[in-house]
Amino acid sequence: MGELPTGPGWQYEPKWDGFRCLAHRDGDAVTLMSKAGKPLARYFPDVVASIQHVGARRFVLDGEIVVPAEGGLSFDELLLRIHPAQSRVQKLAAEHPAVFVAFDLLVDGRGRSLVDLPLADRRAALEAFVAERVEDDAGVVLSPATTRTATVKRWFRSVGSGLDGVIAKRLDLPYQTGERTGMVKMKSMRTAECVVGGFRYASRGGVVGSLLLGLYDDEGLLHHVGFTSNIPRDEKAPLTKKLEKLVKAPGFTGRAPGGPSRWSTARSAEWQPLAPKLVVEVQYDHFSGGRFRHGTSFLRWRPDKAPGACTLAQVEQEGRSAMKLLAG
């Protein structure tokens, strides 16, 4: 499994594409707290209701809030919840209810603290808690876990790029409030070939700062989907000359890059459209909402790849939702 540690002392769990959350219930009171200590209950009234329906009056669960939408997990829908208007939050919750994925139990249904127990014991207690106290379709689900790397490989075969990654945890350790001790994350990294539909100059030096990436849809429109900027310094000057020879409007025939932001200079905000001649292979961690969520990493040029073959189908395979793991 490459970056994952192996051996009998490790447990593996899917890495969920959501908000880390501690769910605390004390009688009728429910508190949802982010990893950074920020209250989340007002943004996720549906999760509060789900926690209130659990058959125990006092407990603390550690888990992740995710939002299923359009056959997958939507981080964009999750971000929309952080809205000042309560009416807007309620509307979003009704349209796309959130789910709490539980992966640890810190206080059990009898109010007993489990934080000093090893993960192996807490996991057994969590499985019993969910089986006994949580009804089906209650909005609270158990995250799968395994001690076998063969099962992890089966997760990737089943869900593919819909799996955001895997987390390995030491079975013999008590609850860890941080991320570094006894825990190893392996994030799924994917590659895609993209058309260079434009570029932006760097703020200084008159050389290219970033390449603007495009993918074709079924109608043949080239949509802007992100950028890559880690171009080797010694390649920037000759690459700039090559790009300037290819400048030709419109560059993107579908969604186009946005305009200036408060962080950019007038020069860096302007983008130059290019004839769709160049193809680049990039590495990325996630694609949602029609774009790469973060900047991508430049890998190599692909002169052997036809620009027209760079389609959205490469990234749409992520529609295979990791929620499938929760169902089975």
C-alpha atoms as a PDB file:
ATOM      1  CA  MET A   1       0.000   0.000   0.000  1.00  0.00           C
ATOM      2  CA  GLY A   2       2.962   2.316  -0.464  1.00  0.00           C
ATOM      3  CA  GLU A   3       2.718   5.087   2.125  1.00  0.00           C
ATOM      4  CA  LEU A   4       0.528   3.135   4.550  1.00  0.00           C
ATOM      5  CA  PRO A   5       2.206   1.341   7.464  1.00  0.00           C
ATOM      6  CA  THR A   6       1.470  -2.367   7.635  1.00  0.00           C
ATOM      7  CA  GLY A   7       1.339  -4.915  10.398  1.00  0.00           C
ATOM      8  CA  PRO A   8      -1.009  -6.243  13.070  1.00  0.00           C
ATOM      9  CA  GLY A   9      -0.894  -3.021  15.114  1.00  0.00           C
ATOM     10  CA  TRP A  10      -2.721  -0.837  12.584  1.00  0.00           C
ATOM     11  CA  GLN A  11      -6.345  -0.119  11.712  1.00  0.00           C
ATOM     12  CA  TYR A  12      -7.344   1.460   8.376  1.00  0.00           C
ATOM     13  CA  GLU A  13     -10.311   3.750   7.739  1.00  0.00           C
ATOM     14  CA  PRO A  14     -11.535   5.701   4.700  1.00  0.00           C
ATOM     15  CA  LYS A  15     -10.664   9.389   4.682  1.00  0.00           C
ATOM     16  CA  TRP A  16     -13.951  11.272   4.381  1.00  0.00           C
ATOM     17  CA  ASP A  17     -14.326  14.455   2.358  1.00  0.00           C
ATOM     18  CA  GLY A  18     -16.147  16.504   4.967  1.00  0.00           C
ATOM     19  CA  PHE A  19     -15.890  18.505   8.188  1.00  0.00           C
ATOM     20  CA  ARG A  20     -14.293  16.804  11.198  1.00  0.00           C
ATOM     21  CA  CYS A  21     -16.745  17.061  14.098  1.00  0.00           C
ATOM     22  CA  LEU A  22     -17.156  16.071  17.752  1.00  0.00           C
ATOM     23  CA  ALA A  23     -20.830  15.395  18.480  1.00  0.00           C
ATOM     24  CA  HIS A  24     -21.663  15.744  22.190  1.00  0.00           C
ATOM     25  CA  ARG A  25     -25.078  14.950  23.643  1.00  0.00           C
ATOM     26  CA  ASP A  26     -26.068  15.648  27.230  1.00  0.00           C
ATOM     27  CA  GLY A  27     -29.782  15.068  27.660  1.00  0.00           C
ATOM     28  CA  ASP A  28     -31.636  17.293  25.203  1.00  0.00           C
ATOM     29  CA  ALA A  29     -28.569  19.450  24.543  1.00  0.00           C
ATOM     30  CA  VAL A  30     -26.442  18.674  21.472  1.00  0.00           C
ATOM     31  CA  THR A  31     -23.137  20.355  20.687  1.00  0.00           C
ATOM     32  CA  LEU A  32     -21.305  20.001  17.372  1.00  0.00           C
ATOM     33  CA  MET A  33     -17.721  21.215  17.492  1.00  0.00           C
ATOM     34  CA  SER A  34     -15.162  21.410  14.706  1.00  0.00           C
ATOM     35  CA  LYS A  35     -11.616  20.174  15.047  1.00  0.00           C
ATOM     36  CA  ALA A  36     -10.539  23.792  15.536  1.00  0.00           C
ATOM     37  CA  GLY A  37     -13.077  24.305  18.339  1.00  0.00           C
ATOM     38  CA  LYS A  38     -15.659  26.178  16.259  1.00  0.00           C
ATOM     39  CA  PRO A  39     -19.377  25.508  16.882  1.00  0.00           C
ATOM     40  CA  LEU A  40     -21.133  23.874  13.925  1.00  0.00           C
ATOM     41  CA  ALA A  41     -24.648  23.163  15.225  1.00  0.00           C
ATOM     42  CA  ARG A  42     -26.304  26.252  13.690  1.00  0.00           C
ATOM     43  CA  TYR A  43     -25.046  25.216  10.236  1.00  0.00           C
ATOM     44  CA  PHE A  44     -26.138  21.587  10.543  1.00  0.00           C
ATOM     45  CA  PRO A  45     -29.554  21.437  12.237  1.00  0.00           C
ATOM     46  CA  ASP A  46     -30.168  18.144  10.437  1.00  0.00           C
ATOM     47  CA  VAL A  47     -27.140  16.591  12.144  1.00  0.00           C
ATOM     48  CA  VAL A  48     -28.321  17.944  15.504  1.00  0.00           C
ATOM     49  CA  ALA A  49     -31.661  16.219  14.919  1.00  0.00           C
ATOM     50  CA  SER A  50     -29.893  12.987  13.957  1.00  0.00           C
ATOM     51  CA  ILE A  51     -27.811  13.024  17.149  1.00  0.00           C
ATOM     52  CA  GLN A  52     -30.961  13.674  19.185  1.00  0.00           C
ATOM     53  CA  HIS A  53     -32.546  10.542  17.687  1.00  0.00           C
ATOM     54  CA  VAL A  54     -29.727   8.290  18.894  1.00  0.00           C
ATOM     55  CA  GLY A  55     -30.975   6.017  21.671  1.00  0.00           C
ATOM     56  CA  ALA A  56     -28.736   7.336  24.445  1.00  0.00           C
ATOM     57  CA  ARG A  57     -28.976  10.466  26.572  1.00  0.00           C
ATOM     58  CA  ARG A  58     -25.270  11.094  27.059  1.00  0.00           C
ATOM     59  CA  PHE A  59     -22.386  10.303  24.699  1.00  0.00           C
ATOM     60  CA  VAL A  60     -19.612  11.826  22.591  1.00  0.00           C
ATOM     61  CA  LEU A  61     -18.870  10.698  19.041  1.00  0.00           C
ATOM     62  CA  ASP A  62     -15.918  11.673  16.880  1.00  0.00           C
ATOM     63  CA  GLY A  63     -16.600  11.693  13.178  1.00  0.00           C
ATOM     64  CA  GLU A  64     -17.071  13.602   9.963  1.00  0.00           C
ATOM     65  CA  ILE A  65     -20.003  15.576   8.586  1.00  0.00           C
ATOM     66  CA  VAL A  66     -20.534  14.861   4.886  1.00  0.00           C
ATOM     67  CA  VAL A  67     -23.210  15.888   2.394  1.00  0.00           C
ATOM     68  CA  PRO A  68     -24.367  13.313  -0.185  1.00  0.00           C
ATOM     69  CA  ALA A  69     -25.464  14.963  -3.428  1.00  0.00           C
ATOM     70  CA  GLU A  70     -25.786  13.847  -7.037  1.00  0.00           C
ATOM     71  CA  GLY A  71     -24.506  10.352  -6.373  1.00  0.00           C
ATOM     72  CA  GLY A  72     -21.387  11.443  -4.495  1.00  0.00           C
ATOM     73  CA  LEU A  73     -20.127  13.492  -1.588  1.00  0.00           C
ATOM     74  CA  SER A  74     -20.304  17.211  -2.315  1.00  0.00           C
ATOM     75  CA  PHE A  75     -17.799  19.428  -0.542  1.00  0.00           C
ATOM     76  CA  ASP A  76     -19.339  22.419  -2.310  1.00  0.00           C
ATOM     77  CA  GLU A  77     -22.731  21.702  -0.697  1.00  0.00           C
ATOM     78  CA  LEU A  78     -20.925  21.368   2.618  1.00  0.00           C
ATOM     79  CA  LEU A  79     -19.324  24.794   2.243  1.00  0.00           C
ATOM     80  CA  LEU A  80     -22.656  26.382   1.343  1.00  0.00           C
ATOM     81  CA  ARG A  81     -23.901  25.517   4.833  1.00  0.00           C
ATOM     82  CA  ILE A  82     -21.551  28.060   6.404  1.00  0.00           C
ATOM     83  CA  HIS A  83     -24.039  30.861   5.804  1.00  0.00           C
ATOM     84  CA  PRO A  84     -25.186  33.658   8.128  1.00  0.00           C
ATOM     85  CA  ALA A  85     -28.879  33.344   7.215  1.00  0.00           C
ATOM     86  CA  GLN A  86     -30.616  30.590   9.177  1.00  0.00           C
ATOM     87  CA  SER A  87     -33.395  30.386   6.582  1.00  0.00           C
ATOM     88  CA  ARG A  88     -30.779  29.604   3.933  1.00  0.00           C
ATOM     89  CA  VAL A  89     -29.209  26.921   6.117  1.00  0.00           C
ATOM     90  CA  GLN A  90     -32.606  25.307   6.712  1.00  0.00           C
ATOM     91  CA  LYS A  91     -33.341  25.303   2.977  1.00  0.00           C
ATOM     92  CA  LEU A  92     -30.009  23.661   2.167  1.00  0.00           C
ATOM     93  CA  ALA A  93     -30.486  21.091   4.931  1.00  0.00           C
ATOM     94  CA  ALA A  94     -33.862  20.138   3.474  1.00  0.00           C
ATOM     95  CA  GLU A  95     -32.472  19.850  -0.061  1.00  0.00           C
ATOM     96  CA  HIS A  96     -29.304  17.915   0.813  1.00  0.00           C
ATOM     97  CA  PRO A  97     -29.385  16.489   4.348  1.00  0.00           C
ATOM     98  CA  ALA A  98     -25.981  15.940   5.915  1.00  0.00           C
ATOM     99  CA  VAL A  99     -24.783  12.646   7.374  1.00  0.00           C
ATOM    100  CA  PHE A 100     -22.599  12.122  10.442  1.00  0.00           C
ATOM    101  CA  VAL A 101     -20.007   9.408   9.796  1.00  0.00           C
ATOM    102  CA  ALA A 102     -18.842   8.102  13.191  1.00  0.00           C
ATOM    103  CA  PHE A 103     -15.345   6.656  13.543  1.00  0.00           C
ATOM    104  CA  ASP A 104     -14.672   6.899  17.293  1.00  0.00           C
ATOM    105  CA  LEU A 105     -16.582   6.804  20.593  1.00  0.00           C
ATOM    106  CA  LEU A 106     -15.191   8.980  23.387  1.00  0.00           C
ATOM    107  CA  VAL A 107     -18.045   8.719  25.893  1.00  0.00           C
ATOM    108  CA  ASP A 108     -20.358   5.714  25.721  1.00  0.00           C
ATOM    109  CA  GLY A 109     -24.122   5.508  26.187  1.00  0.00           C
ATOM    110  CA  ARG A 110     -23.759   5.198  29.964  1.00  0.00           C
ATOM    111  CA  GLY A 111     -21.717   8.396  30.180  1.00  0.00           C
ATOM    112  CA  ARG A 112     -18.418   6.559  30.718  1.00  0.00           C
ATOM    113  CA  SER A 113     -15.261   8.119  29.247  1.00  0.00           C
ATOM    114  CA  LEU A 114     -13.354   5.848  26.848  1.00  0.00           C
ATOM    115  CA  VAL A 115     -10.527   8.208  25.904  1.00  0.00           C
ATOM    116  CA  ASP A 116      -7.911   6.294  27.926  1.00  0.00           C
ATOM    117  CA  LEU A 117      -8.766   2.967  26.292  1.00  0.00           C
ATOM    118  CA  PRO A 118      -6.796   1.752  23.249  1.00  0.00           C
ATOM    119  CA  LEU A 119      -8.378   2.260  19.852  1.00  0.00           C
ATOM    120  CA  ALA A 120      -9.067  -1.484  19.526  1.00  0.00           C
ATOM    121  CA  ASP A 121     -11.390  -1.331  22.558  1.00  0.00           C
ATOM    122  CA  ARG A 122     -12.983   1.954  21.523  1.00  0.00           C
ATOM    123  CA  ARG A 123     -13.707   0.582  18.055  1.00  0.00           C
ATOM    124  CA  ALA A 124     -15.461  -2.465  19.545  1.00  0.00           C
ATOM    125  CA  ALA A 125     -17.480  -0.167  21.800  1.00  0.00           C
ATOM    126  CA  LEU A 126     -18.365   2.095  18.838  1.00  0.00           C
ATOM    127  CA  GLU A 127     -19.627  -0.828  16.753  1.00  0.00           C
ATOM    128  CA  ALA A 128     -21.785  -2.049  19.642  1.00  0.00           C
ATOM    129  CA  PHE A 129     -23.069   1.493  20.298  1.00  0.00           C
ATOM    130  CA  VAL A 130     -24.138   2.024  16.680  1.00  0.00           C
ATOM    131  CA  ALA A 131     -25.720  -1.443  16.442  1.00  0.00           C
ATOM    132  CA  GLU A 132     -27.710  -1.005  19.651  1.00  0.00           C
ATOM    133  CA  ARG A 133     -28.503   2.711  19.749  1.00  0.00           C
ATOM    134  CA  VAL A 134     -28.677   3.999  16.144  1.00  0.00           C
ATOM    135  CA  GLU A 135     -31.592   3.172  13.871  1.00  0.00           C
ATOM    136  CA  ASP A 136     -31.193   2.621  10.146  1.00  0.00           C
ATOM    137  CA  ASP A 137     -31.482   5.805   8.053  1.00  0.00           C
ATOM    138  CA  ALA A 138     -30.987   7.906  11.196  1.00  0.00           C
ATOM    139  CA  GLY A 139     -28.396  10.184   9.643  1.00  0.00           C
ATOM    140  CA  VAL A 140     -25.630   8.678  11.787  1.00  0.00           C
ATOM    141  CA  VAL A 141     -23.603   5.896  10.175  1.00  0.00           C
ATOM    142  CA  LEU A 142     -20.592   3.818  11.139  1.00  0.00           C
ATOM    143  CA  SER A 143     -17.393   4.393   9.199  1.00  0.00           C
ATOM    144  CA  PRO A 144     -15.919   1.094   8.005  1.00  0.00           C
ATOM    145  CA  ALA A 145     -12.585   0.009   9.432  1.00  0.00           C
ATOM    146  CA  THR A 146     -10.254  -2.905   8.807  1.00  0.00           C
ATOM    147  CA  THR A 147      -6.900  -4.299   9.868  1.00  0.00           C
ATOM    148  CA  ARG A 148      -6.309  -5.896   6.459  1.00  0.00           C
ATOM    149  CA  THR A 149      -4.593  -4.089   3.582  1.00  0.00           C
ATOM    150  CA  ALA A 150      -6.420  -6.421   1.196  1.00  0.00           C
ATOM    151  CA  THR A 151      -9.674  -4.790   2.305  1.00  0.00           C
ATOM    152  CA  VAL A 152      -8.202  -1.335   1.683  1.00  0.00           C
ATOM    153  CA  LYS A 153      -7.315  -2.399  -1.847  1.00  0.00           C
ATOM    154  CA  ARG A 154     -10.881  -3.631  -2.294  1.00  0.00           C
ATOM    155  CA  TRP A 155     -12.156  -0.212  -1.206  1.00  0.00           C
ATOM    156  CA  PHE A 156     -10.134   1.423  -3.962  1.00  0.00           C
ATOM    157  CA  ARG A 157     -11.361  -1.133  -6.518  1.00  0.00           C
ATOM    158  CA  SER A 158     -14.967  -0.586  -5.434  1.00  0.00           C
ATOM    159  CA  VAL A 159     -14.999   3.193  -5.198  1.00  0.00           C
ATOM    160  CA  GLY A 160     -11.941   4.230  -7.192  1.00  0.00           C
ATOM    161  CA  SER A 161     -11.213   7.944  -7.175  1.00  0.00           C
ATOM    162  CA  GLY A 162     -14.351   8.550  -5.124  1.00  0.00           C
ATOM    163  CA  LEU A 163     -12.257   7.505  -2.125  1.00  0.00           C
ATOM    164  CA  ASP A 164     -10.493  10.589  -0.781  1.00  0.00           C
ATOM    165  CA  GLY A 165      -7.788   8.562   0.909  1.00  0.00           C
ATOM    166  CA  VAL A 166      -7.061   6.203   3.782  1.00  0.00           C
ATOM    167  CA  ILE A 167      -6.064   6.830   7.401  1.00  0.00           C
ATOM    168  CA  ALA A 168      -3.990   4.317   9.369  1.00  0.00           C
ATOM    169  CA  LYS A 169      -4.291   4.428  13.171  1.00  0.00           C
ATOM    170  CA  ARG A 170      -2.397   2.588  15.891  1.00  0.00           C
ATOM    171  CA  LEU A 171      -4.687   0.107  17.661  1.00  0.00           C
ATOM    172  CA  ASP A 172      -2.820   0.199  20.974  1.00  0.00           C
ATOM    173  CA  LEU A 173      -3.008   3.949  21.649  1.00  0.00           C
ATOM    174  CA  PRO A 174      -5.565   5.910  23.688  1.00  0.00           C
ATOM    175  CA  TYR A 175      -7.523   8.697  22.006  1.00  0.00           C
ATOM    176  CA  GLN A 176      -5.221  11.171  20.263  1.00  0.00           C
ATOM    177  CA  THR A 177      -6.373  14.772  20.064  1.00  0.00           C
ATOM    178  CA  GLY A 178      -3.723  15.642  17.468  1.00  0.00           C
ATOM    179  CA  GLU A 179      -3.108  14.129  14.050  1.00  0.00           C
ATOM    180  CA  ARG A 180       0.575  13.260  14.115  1.00  0.00           C
ATOM    181  CA  THR A 181       0.861  10.678  16.890  1.00  0.00           C
ATOM    182  CA  GLY A 182      -0.121   7.152  15.938  1.00  0.00           C
ATOM    183  CA  MET A 183      -1.797   8.218  12.696  1.00  0.00           C
ATOM    184  CA  VAL A 184      -0.734   8.169   9.043  1.00  0.00           C
ATOM    185  CA  LYS A 185      -2.787   9.621   6.193  1.00  0.00           C
ATOM    186  CA  MET A 186      -2.513   8.515   2.599  1.00  0.00           C
ATOM    187  CA  LYS A 187      -4.393  10.911   0.371  1.00  0.00           C
ATOM    188  CA  SER A 188      -5.576   9.747  -3.022  1.00  0.00           C
ATOM    189  CA  MET A 189      -3.767  11.620  -5.773  1.00  0.00           C
ATOM    190  CA  ARG A 190      -5.018  11.424  -9.328  1.00  0.00           C
ATOM    191  CA  THR A 191      -3.759  12.581 -12.698  1.00  0.00           C
ATOM    192  CA  ALA A 192      -5.470  14.138 -15.683  1.00  0.00           C
ATOM    193  CA  GLU A 193      -4.439  15.391 -19.108  1.00  0.00           C
ATOM    194  CA  CYS A 194      -5.671  18.923 -19.726  1.00  0.00           C
ATOM    195  CA  VAL A 195      -5.641  21.414 -22.561  1.00  0.00           C
ATOM    196  CA  VAL A 196      -3.757  24.629 -21.828  1.00  0.00           C
ATOM    197  CA  GLY A 197      -6.446  27.147 -22.748  1.00  0.00           C
ATOM    198  CA  GLY A 198      -4.603  30.188 -21.474  1.00  0.00           C
ATOM    199  CA  PHE A 199      -1.955  31.490 -19.134  1.00  0.00           C
ATOM    200  CA  ARG A 200      -1.270  34.284 -16.687  1.00  0.00           C
ATOM    201  CA  TYR A 201       1.962  36.206 -16.392  1.00  0.00           C
ATOM    202  CA  ALA A 202       3.816  36.186 -13.085  1.00  0.00           C
ATOM    203  CA  SER A 203       3.583  39.428 -11.129  1.00  0.00           C
ATOM    204  CA  ARG A 204       7.226  40.144 -11.961  1.00  0.00           C
ATOM    205  CA  GLY A 205       9.725  39.206 -14.613  1.00  0.00           C
ATOM    206  CA  GLY A 206       7.493  39.092 -17.673  1.00  0.00           C
ATOM    207  CA  VAL A 207       7.361  35.300 -17.622  1.00  0.00           C
ATOM    208  CA  VAL A 208       4.527  32.824 -17.279  1.00  0.00           C
ATOM    209  CA  GLY A 209       3.170  32.428 -13.761  1.00  0.00           C
ATOM    210  CA  SER A 210       0.471  29.820 -14.246  1.00  0.00           C
ATOM    211  CA  LEU A 211      -1.111  27.685 -16.940  1.00  0.00           C
ATOM    212  CA  LEU A 212      -4.912  27.722 -17.174  1.00  0.00           C
ATOM    213  CA  LEU A 213      -6.326  24.243 -17.646  1.00  0.00           C
ATOM    214  CA  GLY A 214      -9.319  23.149 -19.690  1.00  0.00           C
ATOM    215  CA  LEU A 215     -11.368  20.013 -20.334  1.00  0.00           C
ATOM    216  CA  TYR A 216     -13.925  19.395 -23.089  1.00  0.00           C
ATOM    217  CA  ASP A 217     -17.547  18.460 -22.424  1.00  0.00           C
ATOM    218  CA  ASP A 218     -19.741  16.232 -24.616  1.00  0.00           C
ATOM    219  CA  GLU A 219     -20.721  19.216 -26.768  1.00  0.00           C
ATOM    220  CA  GLY A 220     -17.107  20.071 -27.525  1.00  0.00           C
ATOM    221  CA  LEU A 221     -16.922  23.158 -25.314  1.00  0.00           C
ATOM    222  CA  LEU A 222     -13.636  23.745 -23.519  1.00  0.00           C
ATOM    223  CA  HIS A 223     -14.246  24.623 -19.852  1.00  0.00           C
ATOM    224  CA  HIS A 224     -11.735  26.221 -17.520  1.00  0.00           C
ATOM    225  CA  VAL A 225     -11.227  23.764 -14.641  1.00  0.00           C
ATOM    226  CA  GLY A 226      -8.209  25.103 -12.759  1.00  0.00           C
ATOM    227  CA  PHE A 227      -4.554  25.999 -12.999  1.00  0.00           C
ATOM    228  CA  THR A 228      -1.033  24.757 -12.421  1.00  0.00           C
ATOM    229  CA  SER A 229       1.853  26.980 -11.407  1.00  0.00           C
ATOM    230  CA  ASN A 230       4.798  24.816 -10.304  1.00  0.00           C
ATOM    231  CA  ILE A 231       6.640  25.328 -13.577  1.00  0.00           C
ATOM    232  CA  PRO A 232      10.417  24.850 -13.207  1.00  0.00           C
ATOM    233  CA  ARG A 233      12.083  28.253 -13.027  1.00  0.00           C
ATOM    234  CA  ASP A 234      14.607  27.562 -15.787  1.00  0.00           C
ATOM    235  CA  GLU A 235      11.783  26.621 -18.163  1.00  0.00           C
ATOM    236  CA  LYS A 236       9.663  29.731 -17.675  1.00  0.00           C
ATOM    237  CA  ALA A 237      11.441  32.068 -20.097  1.00  0.00           C
ATOM    238  CA  PRO A 238      11.473  29.707 -23.120  1.00  0.00           C
ATOM    239  CA  LEU A 239       7.955  28.522 -22.283  1.00  0.00           C
ATOM    240  CA  THR A 240       6.701  32.100 -22.215  1.00  0.00           C
ATOM    241  CA  LYS A 241       7.980  32.691 -25.742  1.00  0.00           C
ATOM    242  CA  LYS A 242       6.271  29.513 -26.902  1.00  0.00           C
ATOM    243  CA  LEU A 243       2.981  30.487 -25.275  1.00  0.00           C
ATOM    244  CA  GLU A 244       3.036  34.024 -26.660  1.00  0.00           C
ATOM    245  CA  LYS A 245       3.207  32.576 -30.195  1.00  0.00           C
ATOM    246  CA  LEU A 246      -0.007  30.632 -29.494  1.00  0.00           C
ATOM    247  CA  VAL A 247      -2.083  33.529 -28.132  1.00  0.00           C
ATOM    248  CA  LYS A 248      -5.471  33.400 -29.799  1.00  0.00           C
ATOM    249  CA  ALA A 249      -8.973  34.185 -28.593  1.00  0.00           C
ATOM    250  CA  PRO A 250     -11.201  32.887 -27.150  1.00  0.00           C
ATOM    251  CA  GLY A 251      -9.085  30.247 -25.413  1.00  0.00           C
ATOM    252  CA  PHE A 252     -12.026  28.741 -23.504  1.00  0.00           C
ATOM    253  CA  THR A 253     -15.322  28.241 -25.324  1.00  0.00           C
ATOM    254  CA  GLY A 254     -17.241  27.202 -22.201  1.00  0.00           C
ATOM    255  CA  ARG A 255     -16.608  28.456 -18.658  1.00  0.00           C
ATOM    256  CA  ALA A 256     -13.797  31.007 -18.689  1.00  0.00           C
ATOM    257  CA  PRO A 257     -11.379  32.098 -15.939  1.00  0.00           C
ATOM    258  CA  GLY A 258     -12.490  34.768 -13.522  1.00  0.00           C
ATOM    259  CA  GLY A 259     -11.183  38.302 -13.353  1.00  0.00           C
ATOM    260  CA  PRO A 260      -8.940  40.120 -10.897  1.00  0.00           C
ATOM    261  CA  SER A 261      -9.039  39.486  -7.155  1.00  0.00           C
ATOM    262  CA  ARG A 262      -7.876  41.659  -4.272  1.00  0.00           C
ATOM    263  CA  TRP A 263      -4.768  39.506  -3.987  1.00  0.00           C
ATOM    264  CA  SER A 264      -3.641  39.891  -7.591  1.00  0.00           C
ATOM    265  CA  THR A 265      -2.038  42.711  -9.483  1.00  0.00           C
ATOM    266  CA  ALA A 266      -3.551  44.040 -12.675  1.00  0.00           C
ATOM    267  CA  ARG A 267      -0.919  42.199 -14.701  1.00  0.00           C
ATOM    268  CA  SER A 268      -1.229  38.837 -12.973  1.00  0.00           C
ATOM    269  CA  ALA A 269      -5.031  38.954 -13.059  1.00  0.00           C
ATOM    270  CA  GLU A 270      -5.165  39.330 -16.828  1.00  0.00           C
ATOM    271  CA  TRP A 271      -5.092  36.065 -18.657  1.00  0.00           C
ATOM    272  CA  GLN A 272      -4.008  35.370 -22.189  1.00  0.00           C
ATOM    273  CA  PRO A 273      -6.159  33.029 -24.314  1.00  0.00           C
ATOM    274  CA  LEU A 274      -4.372  30.311 -26.266  1.00  0.00           C
ATOM    275  CA  ALA A 275      -5.155  28.193 -29.282  1.00  0.00           C
ATOM    276  CA  PRO A 276      -5.919  24.685 -27.953  1.00  0.00           C
ATOM    277  CA  LYS A 277      -2.656  23.106 -29.042  1.00  0.00           C
ATOM    278  CA  LEU A 278      -0.833  22.134 -25.840  1.00  0.00           C
ATOM    279  CA  VAL A 279      -1.650  19.272 -23.476  1.00  0.00           C
ATOM    280  CA  VAL A 280      -0.219  18.930 -19.998  1.00  0.00           C
ATOM    281  CA  GLU A 281      -0.518  16.125 -17.456  1.00  0.00           C
ATOM    282  CA  VAL A 282      -1.204  17.295 -13.905  1.00  0.00           C
ATOM    283  CA  GLN A 283      -1.696  15.688 -10.524  1.00  0.00           C
ATOM    284  CA  TYR A 284      -4.635  16.717  -8.342  1.00  0.00           C
ATOM    285  CA  ASP A 285      -6.299  15.682  -5.129  1.00  0.00           C
ATOM    286  CA  HIS A 286      -9.967  16.445  -5.760  1.00  0.00           C
ATOM    287  CA  PHE A 287     -12.344  17.579  -8.485  1.00  0.00           C
ATOM    288  CA  SER A 288     -15.794  18.949  -7.613  1.00  0.00           C
ATOM    289  CA  GLY A 289     -18.161  21.617  -8.829  1.00  0.00           C
ATOM    290  CA  GLY A 290     -16.620  21.535 -12.293  1.00  0.00           C
ATOM    291  CA  ARG A 291     -13.099  22.410 -11.154  1.00  0.00           C
ATOM    292  CA  PHE A 292     -10.000  21.191  -9.372  1.00  0.00           C
ATOM    293  CA  ARG A 293     -10.537  22.246  -5.782  1.00  0.00           C
ATOM    294  CA  HIS A 294      -6.897  23.237  -5.275  1.00  0.00           C
ATOM    295  CA  GLY A 295      -4.049  24.104  -7.573  1.00  0.00           C
ATOM    296  CA  THR A 296      -2.671  21.116  -9.444  1.00  0.00           C
ATOM    297  CA  SER A 297       0.915  19.910  -9.749  1.00  0.00           C
ATOM    298  CA  PHE A 298       2.568  20.039 -13.156  1.00  0.00           C
ATOM    299  CA  LEU A 299       3.904  16.606 -14.114  1.00  0.00           C
ATOM    300  CA  ARG A 300       4.871  16.708 -17.789  1.00  0.00           C
ATOM    301  CA  TRP A 301       3.922  17.827 -21.256  1.00  0.00           C
ATOM    302  CA  ARG A 302       1.931  15.370 -23.373  1.00  0.00           C
ATOM    303  CA  PRO A 303       2.703  16.094 -27.050  1.00  0.00           C
ATOM    304  CA  ASP A 304       1.408  12.602 -27.826  1.00  0.00           C
ATOM    305  CA  LYS A 305      -2.077  13.444 -26.553  1.00  0.00           C
ATOM    306  CA  ALA A 306      -4.703  14.980 -28.846  1.00  0.00           C
ATOM    307  CA  PRO A 307      -6.290  18.058 -27.209  1.00  0.00           C
ATOM    308  CA  GLY A 308      -9.773  16.832 -28.165  1.00  0.00           C
ATOM    309  CA  ALA A 309      -9.240  13.701 -26.084  1.00  0.00           C
ATOM    310  CA  CYS A 310      -8.903  15.767 -22.884  1.00  0.00           C
ATOM    311  CA  THR A 311     -12.467  15.458 -21.660  1.00  0.00           C
ATOM    312  CA  LEU A 312     -14.360  15.804 -18.402  1.00  0.00           C
ATOM    313  CA  ALA A 313     -14.884  12.040 -18.446  1.00  0.00           C
ATOM    314  CA  GLN A 314     -11.406  11.731 -16.877  1.00  0.00           C
ATOM    315  CA  VAL A 315     -12.603  13.346 -13.657  1.00  0.00           C
ATOM    316  CA  GLU A 316     -16.290  12.474 -13.717  1.00  0.00           C
ATOM    317  CA  GLN A 317     -15.400   8.969 -12.553  1.00  0.00           C
ATOM    318  CA  GLU A 318     -15.252  10.539  -9.095  1.00  0.00           C
ATOM    319  CA  GLY A 319     -19.030  10.341  -9.115  1.00  0.00           C
ATOM    320  CA  ARG A 320     -18.593   6.835  -7.753  1.00  0.00           C
ATOM    321  CA  SER A 321     -19.318   7.847  -4.214  1.00  0.00           C
ATOM    322  CA  ALA A 322     -17.441   6.691  -1.144  1.00  0.00           C
ATOM    323  CA  MET A 323     -20.921   6.474   0.412  1.00  0.00           C
ATOM    324  CA  LYS A 324     -20.985   3.058  -1.237  1.00  0.00           C
ATOM    325  CA  LEU A 325     -18.616   1.910   1.501  1.00  0.00           C
ATOM    326  CA  LEU A 326     -21.135   2.941   4.137  1.00  0.00           C
ATOM    327  CA  ALA A 327     -23.843   0.886   2.498  1.00  0.00           C
ATOM    328  CA  GLY A 328     -21.855  -2.291   2.442  1.00  0.00           C
END
